[in-house]
Amino acid sequence: MIYFLADDHYGVHPGKNIFENLPSELQNNITFVENDWTLLQSGEWLKDCELLILNMIGTTCNLPHPDKNAEKAIKTWCEKGGNMLLLHGSSAAFWQWDWWRKIVGYRWVRPNDPDGVPNSTHPVKPYRLRVTKNRHPLSSKLIPFDLDTDEIYTELEQVSPAMVLMDTFIEEGVFPQCLETIAPWGGKFVSFIPGHHIHATANKKLIANITEITKYLLKK
């Protein structure tokens, strides 16, 4: 079973929109939850989880940050070598946990960051996603594509080694938009950052890339 946890991201519901646009063969193997951390905190998902997908940022959307029970469950998943797909700003899903902030490759930095790092930014404009030159097995499967005006997550902090699989080049510079990092316990974390408004999260090429990444992370 794939568990997909999301917040509504200020009413634009990117996680829900992505879930509803995924191929049916994936949808049928996904438990999707929005704006409710009860399942996450219960730890029940650990019994049959094959992949954890997140599209959430802790404390946003008037939601509480996941609690210590969620932290215990997530740490258990990581220590088992579990894989994760971190969509949009999900590198900050659990930004209040010290250990989490150190392992996600490039992290979205919230205002009032506990480590005192200046917050990340998100200019809003059209942009193009490029596949980088790399030898990762996903590189031949990812598709470059253009997005109409949308948030572009920039100025993330690199906290651990990561391979950048896709990036974007805008006036402000070159910024990673898809990357893989290996957690200290061996699990693969792939961050796929683009996609905020509904026109972006329904983009067929964006969905195709998320589908390929999901299949990659499901491989044993």
N, C-alpha and C. Protein backbone atom coordinates (compact mmCIF):
# COMPACT_ATOMS: atom_id res chain seq x y z
N MET A 1 0.84 -1.19 0.00
CA MET A 1 0.00 0.00 0.00
C MET A 1 0.89 1.26 0.00
N ILE A 2 0.49 2.24 -0.78
CA ILE A 2 1.13 3.56 -0.78
C ILE A 2 0.29 4.48 0.09
N TYR A 3 0.92 5.22 0.98
CA TYR A 3 0.22 6.20 1.80
C TYR A 3 0.61 7.59 1.32
N PHE A 4 -0.39 8.41 1.03
CA PHE A 4 -0.21 9.74 0.45
C PHE A 4 -0.89 10.72 1.40
N LEU A 5 -0.08 11.54 2.07
CA LEU A 5 -0.57 12.49 3.06
C LEU A 5 -0.34 13.91 2.56
N ALA A 6 -1.36 14.76 2.66
CA ALA A 6 -1.27 16.11 2.11
C ALA A 6 -2.02 17.10 2.99
N ASP A 7 -1.60 18.36 2.92
CA ASP A 7 -2.44 19.45 3.39
C ASP A 7 -3.11 20.09 2.17
N ASP A 8 -4.05 21.01 2.41
CA ASP A 8 -4.75 21.60 1.27
C ASP A 8 -3.96 22.74 0.62
N HIS A 9 -2.81 23.09 1.22
CA HIS A 9 -1.91 24.12 0.69
C HIS A 9 -2.66 25.40 0.34
N TYR A 10 -3.32 25.95 1.36
CA TYR A 10 -4.03 27.23 1.24
C TYR A 10 -5.16 27.17 0.23
N GLY A 11 -5.85 26.03 0.22
CA GLY A 11 -7.05 25.92 -0.58
C GLY A 11 -6.87 25.53 -2.02
N VAL A 12 -5.63 25.27 -2.47
CA VAL A 12 -5.44 24.87 -3.87
C VAL A 12 -5.32 23.35 -4.03
N HIS A 13 -5.21 22.62 -2.95
CA HIS A 13 -5.28 21.16 -2.92
C HIS A 13 -4.34 20.47 -3.93
N PRO A 14 -3.06 20.81 -3.94
CA PRO A 14 -2.17 20.19 -4.94
C PRO A 14 -2.03 18.68 -4.76
N GLY A 15 -1.93 18.21 -3.52
CA GLY A 15 -1.80 16.77 -3.29
C GLY A 15 -3.02 16.02 -3.79
N LYS A 16 -4.20 16.52 -3.46
CA LYS A 16 -5.44 15.88 -3.90
C LYS A 16 -5.55 15.88 -5.42
N ASN A 17 -5.18 16.99 -6.02
CA ASN A 17 -5.26 17.10 -7.48
C ASN A 17 -4.29 16.12 -8.16
N ILE A 18 -3.09 16.02 -7.62
CA ILE A 18 -2.12 15.06 -8.17
C ILE A 18 -2.67 13.63 -8.02
N PHE A 19 -3.15 13.30 -6.83
CA PHE A 19 -3.70 11.96 -6.60
C PHE A 19 -4.80 11.63 -7.61
N GLU A 20 -5.70 12.57 -7.84
CA GLU A 20 -6.84 12.32 -8.73
C GLU A 20 -6.43 12.23 -10.19
N ASN A 21 -5.24 12.69 -10.53
CA ASN A 21 -4.76 12.62 -11.91
C ASN A 21 -3.80 11.47 -12.16
N LEU A 22 -3.44 10.72 -11.12
CA LEU A 22 -2.54 9.58 -11.30
C LEU A 22 -3.26 8.45 -12.03
N PRO A 23 -2.50 7.59 -12.71
CA PRO A 23 -3.12 6.43 -13.36
C PRO A 23 -3.88 5.57 -12.35
N SER A 24 -4.96 4.95 -12.81
CA SER A 24 -5.83 4.19 -11.91
C SER A 24 -5.08 3.05 -11.22
N GLU A 25 -4.08 2.47 -11.91
CA GLU A 25 -3.37 1.35 -11.29
C GLU A 25 -2.58 1.81 -10.06
N LEU A 26 -2.17 3.07 -10.04
CA LEU A 26 -1.53 3.62 -8.84
C LEU A 26 -2.58 4.05 -7.83
N GLN A 27 -3.60 4.76 -8.29
CA GLN A 27 -4.66 5.21 -7.38
C GLN A 27 -5.22 4.06 -6.55
N ASN A 28 -5.40 2.92 -7.20
CA ASN A 28 -6.02 1.78 -6.51
C ASN A 28 -5.14 1.20 -5.41
N ASN A 29 -3.87 1.61 -5.38
CA ASN A 29 -2.95 1.12 -4.35
C ASN A 29 -2.56 2.24 -3.38
N ILE A 30 -3.34 3.33 -3.39
CA ILE A 30 -3.01 4.49 -2.56
C ILE A 30 -4.11 4.76 -1.55
N THR A 31 -3.72 4.97 -0.30
CA THR A 31 -4.59 5.56 0.70
C THR A 31 -4.23 7.03 0.79
N PHE A 32 -5.17 7.90 0.41
CA PHE A 32 -4.92 9.34 0.39
C PHE A 32 -5.65 10.01 1.56
N VAL A 33 -4.93 10.88 2.27
CA VAL A 33 -5.50 11.61 3.40
C VAL A 33 -5.10 13.07 3.29
N GLU A 34 -6.06 13.98 3.46
CA GLU A 34 -5.78 15.41 3.41
C GLU A 34 -6.20 16.06 4.72
N ASN A 35 -5.31 16.91 5.25
CA ASN A 35 -5.59 17.75 6.43
C ASN A 35 -5.92 16.95 7.69
N ASP A 36 -5.38 15.77 7.82
CA ASP A 36 -5.65 14.94 9.00
C ASP A 36 -4.44 14.06 9.26
N TRP A 37 -3.81 14.25 10.41
CA TRP A 37 -2.59 13.50 10.74
C TRP A 37 -2.89 12.31 11.65
N THR A 38 -4.16 11.97 11.84
CA THR A 38 -4.51 10.87 12.75
C THR A 38 -3.85 9.56 12.33
N LEU A 39 -3.96 9.21 11.05
CA LEU A 39 -3.36 7.98 10.57
C LEU A 39 -1.85 8.02 10.73
N LEU A 40 -1.24 9.12 10.34
CA LEU A 40 0.22 9.26 10.45
C LEU A 40 0.66 9.04 11.88
N GLN A 41 -0.04 9.64 12.83
CA GLN A 41 0.34 9.59 14.23
C GLN A 41 0.05 8.24 14.86
N SER A 42 -0.87 7.48 14.26
CA SER A 42 -1.22 6.18 14.83
C SER A 42 -0.12 5.14 14.60
N GLY A 43 0.64 5.33 13.52
CA GLY A 43 1.66 4.35 13.17
C GLY A 43 1.10 3.10 12.49
N GLU A 44 -0.21 3.03 12.32
CA GLU A 44 -0.84 1.84 11.72
C GLU A 44 -0.37 1.63 10.28
N TRP A 45 -0.03 2.71 9.61
CA TRP A 45 0.39 2.63 8.21
C TRP A 45 1.69 1.86 8.04
N LEU A 46 2.46 1.73 9.10
CA LEU A 46 3.74 1.02 9.01
C LEU A 46 3.57 -0.46 8.69
N LYS A 47 2.40 -1.02 8.97
CA LYS A 47 2.19 -2.46 8.82
C LYS A 47 2.28 -2.91 7.37
N ASP A 48 1.81 -2.06 6.43
CA ASP A 48 1.78 -2.50 5.03
C ASP A 48 2.28 -1.44 4.06
N CYS A 49 2.97 -0.44 4.56
CA CYS A 49 3.42 0.65 3.70
C CYS A 49 4.54 0.18 2.77
N GLU A 50 4.38 0.49 1.48
CA GLU A 50 5.42 0.24 0.49
C GLU A 50 6.14 1.53 0.10
N LEU A 51 5.43 2.65 0.22
CA LEU A 51 5.98 3.96 -0.14
C LEU A 51 5.17 5.03 0.56
N LEU A 52 5.86 6.06 1.06
CA LEU A 52 5.20 7.19 1.69
C LEU A 52 5.34 8.40 0.78
N ILE A 53 4.22 9.00 0.39
CA ILE A 53 4.21 10.21 -0.43
C ILE A 53 3.66 11.35 0.43
N LEU A 54 4.36 12.47 0.41
CA LEU A 54 3.93 13.64 1.18
C LEU A 54 3.78 14.84 0.27
N ASN A 55 2.74 15.64 0.53
CA ASN A 55 2.60 16.96 -0.09
C ASN A 55 2.09 17.88 1.00
N MET A 56 3.00 18.26 1.89
CA MET A 56 2.61 18.98 3.10
C MET A 56 3.80 19.75 3.66
N ILE A 57 3.49 20.81 4.39
CA ILE A 57 4.49 21.59 5.12
C ILE A 57 3.97 21.75 6.54
N GLY A 58 4.75 21.36 7.52
CA GLY A 58 4.31 21.41 8.90
C GLY A 58 3.85 22.80 9.33
N THR A 59 2.72 22.86 10.02
CA THR A 59 2.09 24.04 10.63
C THR A 59 1.39 24.95 9.63
N THR A 60 1.35 24.63 8.35
CA THR A 60 0.63 25.48 7.40
C THR A 60 -0.85 25.11 7.39
N CYS A 61 -1.65 25.95 6.77
CA CYS A 61 -3.10 25.70 6.58
C CYS A 61 -3.84 25.55 7.91
N ASN A 62 -3.35 26.25 8.94
CA ASN A 62 -3.97 26.20 10.27
C ASN A 62 -4.01 24.79 10.85
N LEU A 63 -3.07 23.96 10.42
CA LEU A 63 -2.98 22.60 10.93
C LEU A 63 -1.85 22.51 11.95
N PRO A 64 -1.98 21.66 12.96
CA PRO A 64 -0.87 21.48 13.90
C PRO A 64 0.27 20.73 13.23
N HIS A 65 1.47 20.98 13.71
CA HIS A 65 2.61 20.17 13.26
C HIS A 65 2.40 18.74 13.76
N PRO A 66 2.69 17.71 12.93
CA PRO A 66 2.57 16.33 13.42
C PRO A 66 3.30 16.13 14.75
N ASP A 67 2.71 15.33 15.63
CA ASP A 67 3.18 15.26 17.01
C ASP A 67 4.27 14.21 17.21
N LYS A 68 4.60 13.96 18.47
CA LYS A 68 5.70 13.04 18.80
C LYS A 68 5.39 11.61 18.37
N ASN A 69 4.11 11.25 18.32
CA ASN A 69 3.77 9.90 17.84
C ASN A 69 4.04 9.77 16.35
N ALA A 70 3.75 10.83 15.60
CA ALA A 70 4.09 10.84 14.18
C ALA A 70 5.60 10.78 14.00
N GLU A 71 6.32 11.51 14.84
CA GLU A 71 7.78 11.51 14.75
C GLU A 71 8.33 10.10 14.98
N LYS A 72 7.79 9.41 15.96
CA LYS A 72 8.23 8.04 16.23
C LYS A 72 7.98 7.14 15.02
N ALA A 73 6.80 7.29 14.41
CA ALA A 73 6.45 6.45 13.26
C ALA A 73 7.33 6.77 12.05
N ILE A 74 7.54 8.05 11.78
CA ILE A 74 8.37 8.45 10.64
C ILE A 74 9.80 7.99 10.85
N LYS A 75 10.31 8.13 12.07
CA LYS A 75 11.68 7.69 12.35
C LYS A 75 11.79 6.17 12.16
N THR A 76 10.77 5.44 12.59
CA THR A 76 10.77 3.99 12.38
C THR A 76 10.81 3.66 10.89
N TRP A 77 10.01 4.36 10.09
CA TRP A 77 9.99 4.14 8.64
C TRP A 77 11.36 4.42 8.04
N CYS A 78 11.96 5.51 8.44
CA CYS A 78 13.29 5.85 7.93
C CYS A 78 14.32 4.79 8.32
N GLU A 79 14.29 4.36 9.56
CA GLU A 79 15.26 3.38 10.04
C GLU A 79 15.08 2.02 9.38
N LYS A 80 13.89 1.76 8.85
CA LYS A 80 13.64 0.53 8.10
C LYS A 80 14.15 0.63 6.66
N GLY A 81 14.65 1.80 6.29
CA GLY A 81 15.08 2.02 4.92
C GLY A 81 13.94 2.34 3.99
N GLY A 82 12.85 2.87 4.52
CA GLY A 82 11.67 3.18 3.72
C GLY A 82 11.92 4.34 2.76
N ASN A 83 11.29 4.25 1.59
CA ASN A 83 11.41 5.29 0.56
C ASN A 83 10.31 6.33 0.70
N MET A 84 10.61 7.56 0.26
CA MET A 84 9.64 8.64 0.31
C MET A 84 9.69 9.45 -0.97
N LEU A 85 8.52 9.93 -1.39
CA LEU A 85 8.40 10.93 -2.44
C LEU A 85 7.93 12.21 -1.78
N LEU A 86 8.75 13.24 -1.84
CA LEU A 86 8.47 14.52 -1.20
C LEU A 86 8.05 15.52 -2.27
N LEU A 87 6.77 15.82 -2.34
CA LEU A 87 6.25 16.72 -3.36
C LEU A 87 6.22 18.15 -2.85
N HIS A 88 6.49 19.07 -3.78
CA HIS A 88 6.44 20.52 -3.52
C HIS A 88 7.31 20.86 -2.31
N GLY A 89 6.76 21.35 -1.22
CA GLY A 89 7.56 21.79 -0.09
C GLY A 89 7.71 20.75 1.00
N SER A 90 7.56 19.48 0.67
CA SER A 90 7.52 18.45 1.71
C SER A 90 8.85 18.17 2.38
N SER A 91 9.93 18.74 1.87
CA SER A 91 11.18 18.68 2.64
C SER A 91 11.01 19.39 3.98
N ALA A 92 9.96 20.22 4.09
CA ALA A 92 9.64 20.90 5.34
C ALA A 92 8.41 20.31 6.01
N ALA A 93 8.05 19.09 5.64
CA ALA A 93 6.87 18.46 6.24
C ALA A 93 6.99 18.39 7.76
N PHE A 94 8.21 18.12 8.22
CA PHE A 94 8.45 17.93 9.65
C PHE A 94 9.60 18.84 10.11
N TRP A 95 9.52 20.09 9.73
CA TRP A 95 10.65 21.02 9.91
C TRP A 95 10.96 21.29 11.38
N GLN A 96 10.08 20.95 12.29
CA GLN A 96 10.36 21.18 13.72
C GLN A 96 11.21 20.08 14.33
N TRP A 97 11.47 18.99 13.59
CA TRP A 97 12.27 17.89 14.12
C TRP A 97 13.72 18.08 13.68
N ASP A 98 14.63 18.18 14.63
CA ASP A 98 16.04 18.45 14.32
C ASP A 98 16.62 17.43 13.35
N TRP A 99 16.37 16.15 13.59
CA TRP A 99 16.99 15.10 12.77
C TRP A 99 16.46 15.14 11.34
N TRP A 100 15.19 15.48 11.17
CA TRP A 100 14.60 15.53 9.82
C TRP A 100 15.25 16.62 8.98
N ARG A 101 15.52 17.75 9.58
CA ARG A 101 16.09 18.88 8.83
C ARG A 101 17.46 18.56 8.25
N LYS A 102 18.10 17.52 8.73
CA LYS A 102 19.47 17.21 8.31
C LYS A 102 19.56 16.16 7.19
N ILE A 103 18.44 15.56 6.77
CA ILE A 103 18.57 14.37 5.93
C ILE A 103 17.85 14.45 4.59
N VAL A 104 17.24 15.59 4.26
CA VAL A 104 16.34 15.63 3.11
C VAL A 104 16.97 16.17 1.83
N GLY A 105 18.27 16.29 1.79
CA GLY A 105 18.93 16.76 0.57
C GLY A 105 18.92 18.27 0.49
N TYR A 106 17.90 18.82 -0.15
CA TYR A 106 17.66 20.27 -0.18
C TYR A 106 16.35 20.52 0.55
N ARG A 107 16.37 21.41 1.53
CA ARG A 107 15.15 21.62 2.31
C ARG A 107 14.56 23.01 2.11
N TRP A 108 13.23 23.04 2.07
CA TRP A 108 12.49 24.30 2.05
C TRP A 108 12.55 24.88 3.46
N VAL A 109 13.08 26.10 3.59
CA VAL A 109 13.31 26.70 4.90
C VAL A 109 12.16 27.63 5.24
N ARG A 110 11.50 27.36 6.34
CA ARG A 110 10.38 28.16 6.81
C ARG A 110 10.88 29.45 7.49
N PRO A 111 10.03 30.48 7.55
CA PRO A 111 10.37 31.64 8.39
C PRO A 111 10.57 31.20 9.84
N ASN A 112 11.40 31.91 10.57
CA ASN A 112 11.71 31.56 11.96
C ASN A 112 12.26 30.15 12.08
N ASP A 113 13.15 29.82 11.16
CA ASP A 113 13.76 28.50 11.14
C ASP A 113 14.50 28.22 12.44
N PRO A 114 14.35 27.01 13.02
CA PRO A 114 15.04 26.70 14.28
C PRO A 114 16.56 26.80 14.19
N ASP A 115 17.12 26.61 12.99
CA ASP A 115 18.57 26.67 12.82
C ASP A 115 19.05 28.06 12.42
N GLY A 116 18.13 29.01 12.32
CA GLY A 116 18.52 30.38 11.99
C GLY A 116 18.89 30.59 10.54
N VAL A 117 18.48 29.68 9.65
CA VAL A 117 18.78 29.81 8.23
C VAL A 117 17.75 30.74 7.58
N PRO A 118 18.17 31.67 6.72
CA PRO A 118 17.21 32.54 6.04
C PRO A 118 16.18 31.71 5.27
N ASN A 119 14.93 32.17 5.28
CA ASN A 119 13.88 31.38 4.67
C ASN A 119 14.02 31.30 3.15
N SER A 120 13.50 30.22 2.59
CA SER A 120 13.48 30.04 1.14
C SER A 120 12.46 30.99 0.52
N THR A 121 12.50 31.09 -0.81
CA THR A 121 11.64 32.04 -1.51
C THR A 121 10.91 31.33 -2.65
N HIS A 122 9.87 31.98 -3.17
CA HIS A 122 9.16 31.38 -4.31
C HIS A 122 8.67 32.48 -5.26
N PRO A 123 9.54 32.92 -6.17
CA PRO A 123 9.06 33.82 -7.22
C PRO A 123 7.94 33.15 -8.01
N VAL A 124 7.05 33.96 -8.56
CA VAL A 124 5.90 33.45 -9.30
C VAL A 124 5.99 33.92 -10.74
N LYS A 125 6.19 32.98 -11.65
CA LYS A 125 6.34 33.30 -13.08
C LYS A 125 6.29 31.99 -13.86
N PRO A 126 6.18 32.05 -15.19
CA PRO A 126 6.29 30.83 -15.99
C PRO A 126 7.72 30.28 -15.91
N TYR A 127 7.85 28.97 -16.05
CA TYR A 127 9.20 28.40 -16.04
C TYR A 127 9.22 27.05 -16.74
N ARG A 128 10.45 26.62 -17.06
CA ARG A 128 10.65 25.35 -17.76
C ARG A 128 11.48 24.42 -16.88
N LEU A 129 11.05 23.18 -16.81
CA LEU A 129 11.78 22.15 -16.09
C LEU A 129 12.69 21.42 -17.08
N ARG A 130 13.97 21.31 -16.72
CA ARG A 130 14.97 20.66 -17.57
C ARG A 130 15.48 19.41 -16.88
N VAL A 131 15.75 18.38 -17.67
CA VAL A 131 16.43 17.20 -17.14
C VAL A 131 17.92 17.47 -17.15
N THR A 132 18.58 17.27 -16.02
CA THR A 132 20.01 17.54 -15.92
C THR A 132 20.82 16.42 -16.57
N LYS A 133 22.10 16.69 -16.80
CA LYS A 133 23.01 15.66 -17.29
C LYS A 133 23.43 14.79 -16.10
N ASN A 134 22.94 13.56 -16.09
CA ASN A 134 23.26 12.66 -14.98
C ASN A 134 23.10 11.23 -15.44
N ARG A 135 23.57 10.28 -14.64
CA ARG A 135 23.50 8.86 -14.97
C ARG A 135 22.54 8.10 -14.05
N HIS A 136 21.60 8.83 -13.52
CA HIS A 136 20.59 8.21 -12.66
C HIS A 136 19.62 7.40 -13.52
N PRO A 137 19.11 6.26 -13.01
CA PRO A 137 18.17 5.46 -13.81
C PRO A 137 16.89 6.19 -14.20
N LEU A 138 16.53 7.25 -13.48
CA LEU A 138 15.34 8.01 -13.84
C LEU A 138 15.57 8.99 -14.99
N SER A 139 16.83 9.28 -15.29
CA SER A 139 17.12 10.37 -16.23
C SER A 139 16.53 10.13 -17.61
N SER A 140 16.44 8.87 -18.04
CA SER A 140 15.88 8.56 -19.35
C SER A 140 14.36 8.52 -19.35
N LYS A 141 13.75 8.62 -18.17
CA LYS A 141 12.30 8.52 -18.06
C LYS A 141 11.63 9.85 -17.75
N LEU A 142 12.37 10.78 -17.15
CA LEU A 142 11.80 12.09 -16.82
C LEU A 142 11.63 12.93 -18.08
N ILE A 143 10.59 13.76 -18.10
CA ILE A 143 10.23 14.55 -19.28
C ILE A 143 10.39 16.03 -18.96
N PRO A 144 11.15 16.78 -19.76
CA PRO A 144 11.16 18.24 -19.59
C PRO A 144 9.80 18.81 -19.95
N PHE A 145 9.42 19.89 -19.29
CA PHE A 145 8.11 20.49 -19.60
C PHE A 145 8.07 21.94 -19.12
N ASP A 146 7.08 22.65 -19.62
CA ASP A 146 6.87 24.06 -19.27
C ASP A 146 5.65 24.18 -18.37
N LEU A 147 5.72 25.12 -17.43
CA LEU A 147 4.57 25.44 -16.59
C LEU A 147 4.21 26.91 -16.77
N ASP A 148 2.90 27.17 -16.81
CA ASP A 148 2.45 28.56 -16.80
C ASP A 148 2.77 29.15 -15.43
N THR A 149 2.41 30.39 -15.24
CA THR A 149 2.75 31.11 -14.01
C THR A 149 2.41 30.29 -12.76
N ASP A 150 3.41 30.05 -11.95
CA ASP A 150 3.25 29.25 -10.74
C ASP A 150 4.40 29.56 -9.79
N GLU A 151 4.28 29.12 -8.55
CA GLU A 151 5.37 29.28 -7.59
C GLU A 151 6.59 28.47 -8.03
N ILE A 152 7.76 29.07 -7.92
CA ILE A 152 9.02 28.36 -8.18
C ILE A 152 9.80 28.35 -6.88
N TYR A 153 9.97 27.20 -6.29
CA TYR A 153 10.67 27.12 -5.01
C TYR A 153 12.18 27.29 -5.24
N THR A 154 12.73 28.32 -4.59
CA THR A 154 14.14 28.66 -4.75
C THR A 154 14.79 28.88 -3.39
N GLU A 155 16.11 29.00 -3.41
CA GLU A 155 16.88 29.30 -2.20
C GLU A 155 16.64 28.25 -1.11
N LEU A 156 16.59 26.97 -1.53
CA LEU A 156 16.54 25.90 -0.54
C LEU A 156 17.94 25.71 0.07
N GLU A 157 17.99 25.13 1.25
CA GLU A 157 19.28 24.86 1.89
C GLU A 157 19.67 23.41 1.63
N GLN A 158 20.88 23.19 1.12
CA GLN A 158 21.37 21.82 0.97
C GLN A 158 21.91 21.35 2.31
N VAL A 159 21.36 20.21 2.77
CA VAL A 159 21.73 19.69 4.08
C VAL A 159 22.39 18.32 4.01
N SER A 160 22.31 17.66 2.86
CA SER A 160 22.94 16.34 2.70
C SER A 160 23.21 16.12 1.22
N PRO A 161 24.09 15.16 0.89
CA PRO A 161 24.41 14.92 -0.52
C PRO A 161 23.17 14.56 -1.31
N ALA A 162 23.08 15.08 -2.53
CA ALA A 162 21.91 14.82 -3.38
C ALA A 162 22.31 14.88 -4.84
N MET A 163 21.62 14.08 -5.66
CA MET A 163 21.80 14.15 -7.11
C MET A 163 20.62 14.92 -7.68
N VAL A 164 20.91 16.00 -8.39
CA VAL A 164 19.85 16.81 -8.99
C VAL A 164 19.47 16.19 -10.32
N LEU A 165 18.20 15.86 -10.47
CA LEU A 165 17.69 15.19 -11.66
C LEU A 165 17.01 16.15 -12.63
N MET A 166 16.38 17.20 -12.10
CA MET A 166 15.78 18.25 -12.92
C MET A 166 16.03 19.59 -12.26
N ASP A 167 16.15 20.63 -13.09
CA ASP A 167 16.32 21.96 -12.55
C ASP A 167 15.55 22.95 -13.41
N THR A 168 15.61 24.23 -13.01
CA THR A 168 15.04 25.29 -13.82
C THR A 168 16.00 26.46 -13.84
N PHE A 169 16.06 27.16 -14.96
CA PHE A 169 16.91 28.34 -15.13
C PHE A 169 16.01 29.54 -15.31
N ILE A 170 16.02 30.44 -14.32
CA ILE A 170 15.24 31.67 -14.38
C ILE A 170 16.17 32.84 -14.11
N GLU A 171 15.64 34.04 -14.15
CA GLU A 171 16.46 35.24 -13.99
C GLU A 171 17.27 35.20 -12.70
N GLU A 172 16.67 34.65 -11.63
CA GLU A 172 17.33 34.63 -10.33
C GLU A 172 18.44 33.60 -10.24
N GLY A 173 18.51 32.64 -11.17
CA GLY A 173 19.57 31.65 -11.14
C GLY A 173 19.07 30.28 -11.56
N VAL A 174 19.87 29.24 -11.28
CA VAL A 174 19.52 27.85 -11.57
C VAL A 174 19.15 27.18 -10.24
N PHE A 175 18.00 26.51 -10.23
CA PHE A 175 17.51 25.93 -8.98
C PHE A 175 17.05 24.49 -9.20
N PRO A 176 17.44 23.57 -8.31
CA PRO A 176 17.00 22.17 -8.42
C PRO A 176 15.49 22.06 -8.24
N GLN A 177 14.87 21.19 -9.03
CA GLN A 177 13.43 20.97 -8.94
C GLN A 177 13.06 19.50 -8.76
N CYS A 178 14.02 18.62 -8.99
CA CYS A 178 13.83 17.19 -8.70
C CYS A 178 15.18 16.64 -8.30
N LEU A 179 15.24 15.92 -7.20
CA LEU A 179 16.52 15.42 -6.71
C LEU A 179 16.32 14.17 -5.87
N GLU A 180 17.38 13.41 -5.78
CA GLU A 180 17.35 12.22 -4.92
C GLU A 180 18.47 12.32 -3.88
N THR A 181 18.11 11.98 -2.66
CA THR A 181 19.11 11.83 -1.61
C THR A 181 18.87 10.50 -0.92
N ILE A 182 19.92 9.92 -0.40
CA ILE A 182 19.82 8.66 0.32
C ILE A 182 19.86 8.96 1.82
N ALA A 183 18.86 8.52 2.52
CA ALA A 183 18.79 8.75 3.97
C ALA A 183 19.90 7.97 4.67
N PRO A 184 20.25 8.35 5.90
CA PRO A 184 21.32 7.65 6.61
C PRO A 184 21.10 6.14 6.76
N TRP A 185 19.84 5.70 6.68
CA TRP A 185 19.53 4.28 6.86
C TRP A 185 19.33 3.56 5.53
N GLY A 186 19.58 4.25 4.43
CA GLY A 186 19.54 3.60 3.12
C GLY A 186 18.31 3.85 2.29
N GLY A 187 17.28 4.45 2.84
CA GLY A 187 16.07 4.73 2.07
C GLY A 187 16.29 5.85 1.07
N LYS A 188 15.54 5.80 -0.03
CA LYS A 188 15.64 6.81 -1.07
C LYS A 188 14.56 7.87 -0.87
N PHE A 189 14.99 9.13 -0.85
CA PHE A 189 14.07 10.25 -0.81
C PHE A 189 14.18 10.97 -2.15
N VAL A 190 13.08 11.03 -2.90
CA VAL A 190 13.06 11.84 -4.11
C VAL A 190 12.17 13.04 -3.87
N SER A 191 12.71 14.23 -4.04
CA SER A 191 11.93 15.46 -3.96
C SER A 191 11.56 15.89 -5.38
N PHE A 192 10.27 16.10 -5.60
CA PHE A 192 9.80 16.63 -6.88
C PHE A 192 9.03 17.91 -6.54
N ILE A 193 9.62 19.04 -6.82
CA ILE A 193 9.18 20.30 -6.22
C ILE A 193 8.11 21.04 -7.01
N PRO A 194 8.11 21.04 -8.35
CA PRO A 194 7.15 21.89 -9.07
C PRO A 194 5.70 21.45 -8.85
N GLY A 195 4.79 22.42 -8.96
CA GLY A 195 3.37 22.10 -8.89
C GLY A 195 2.68 22.69 -7.69
N HIS A 196 1.97 23.80 -7.91
CA HIS A 196 1.24 24.47 -6.83
C HIS A 196 -0.22 24.64 -7.25
N HIS A 197 -0.49 25.51 -8.21
CA HIS A 197 -1.86 25.75 -8.64
C HIS A 197 -2.39 24.59 -9.47
N ILE A 198 -3.71 24.55 -9.64
CA ILE A 198 -4.37 23.41 -10.26
C ILE A 198 -3.92 23.18 -11.69
N HIS A 199 -3.63 24.26 -12.44
CA HIS A 199 -3.18 24.06 -13.82
C HIS A 199 -1.84 23.35 -13.86
N ALA A 200 -1.02 23.54 -12.82
CA ALA A 200 0.29 22.89 -12.78
C ALA A 200 0.17 21.43 -12.34
N THR A 201 -0.62 21.18 -11.31
CA THR A 201 -0.70 19.83 -10.77
C THR A 201 -1.55 18.90 -11.65
N ALA A 202 -2.25 19.48 -12.63
CA ALA A 202 -2.96 18.65 -13.61
C ALA A 202 -2.17 18.50 -14.91
N ASN A 203 -0.99 19.12 -14.98
CA ASN A 203 -0.17 19.03 -16.19
C ASN A 203 0.19 17.57 -16.46
N LYS A 204 -0.08 17.11 -17.68
CA LYS A 204 0.11 15.69 -17.99
C LYS A 204 1.56 15.26 -17.88
N LYS A 205 2.49 16.14 -18.23
CA LYS A 205 3.90 15.76 -18.13
C LYS A 205 4.37 15.76 -16.68
N LEU A 206 3.85 16.67 -15.88
CA LEU A 206 4.17 16.64 -14.45
C LEU A 206 3.67 15.33 -13.84
N ILE A 207 2.44 14.94 -14.16
CA ILE A 207 1.87 13.69 -13.65
C ILE A 207 2.67 12.49 -14.16
N ALA A 208 3.10 12.54 -15.42
CA ALA A 208 3.90 11.43 -15.96
C ALA A 208 5.20 11.29 -15.20
N ASN A 209 5.83 12.40 -14.84
CA ASN A 209 7.08 12.34 -14.08
C ASN A 209 6.85 11.78 -12.68
N ILE A 210 5.79 12.22 -12.02
CA ILE A 210 5.48 11.71 -10.69
C ILE A 210 5.19 10.21 -10.76
N THR A 211 4.52 9.78 -11.82
CA THR A 211 4.23 8.36 -12.00
C THR A 211 5.51 7.55 -12.13
N GLU A 212 6.45 8.03 -12.93
CA GLU A 212 7.72 7.32 -13.11
C GLU A 212 8.52 7.28 -11.82
N ILE A 213 8.54 8.39 -11.09
CA ILE A 213 9.26 8.43 -9.82
C ILE A 213 8.64 7.44 -8.83
N THR A 214 7.32 7.41 -8.79
CA THR A 214 6.63 6.49 -7.88
C THR A 214 6.97 5.05 -8.20
N LYS A 215 6.94 4.69 -9.47
CA LYS A 215 7.30 3.32 -9.87
C LYS A 215 8.74 3.00 -9.49
N TYR A 216 9.63 3.97 -9.67
CA TYR A 216 11.04 3.78 -9.31
C TYR A 216 11.17 3.51 -7.82
N LEU A 217 10.46 4.28 -6.99
CA LEU A 217 10.58 4.14 -5.55
C LEU A 217 9.90 2.87 -5.02
N LEU A 218 9.02 2.29 -5.81
CA LEU A 218 8.36 1.05 -5.40
C LEU A 218 9.23 -0.18 -5.67
N LYS A 219 10.24 -0.04 -6.50
CA LYS A 219 11.09 -1.18 -6.81
C LYS A 219 11.91 -1.56 -5.59
N LYS A 220 11.99 -2.85 -5.33
CA LYS A 220 12.75 -3.33 -4.17
C LYS A 220 14.24 -3.40 -4.51
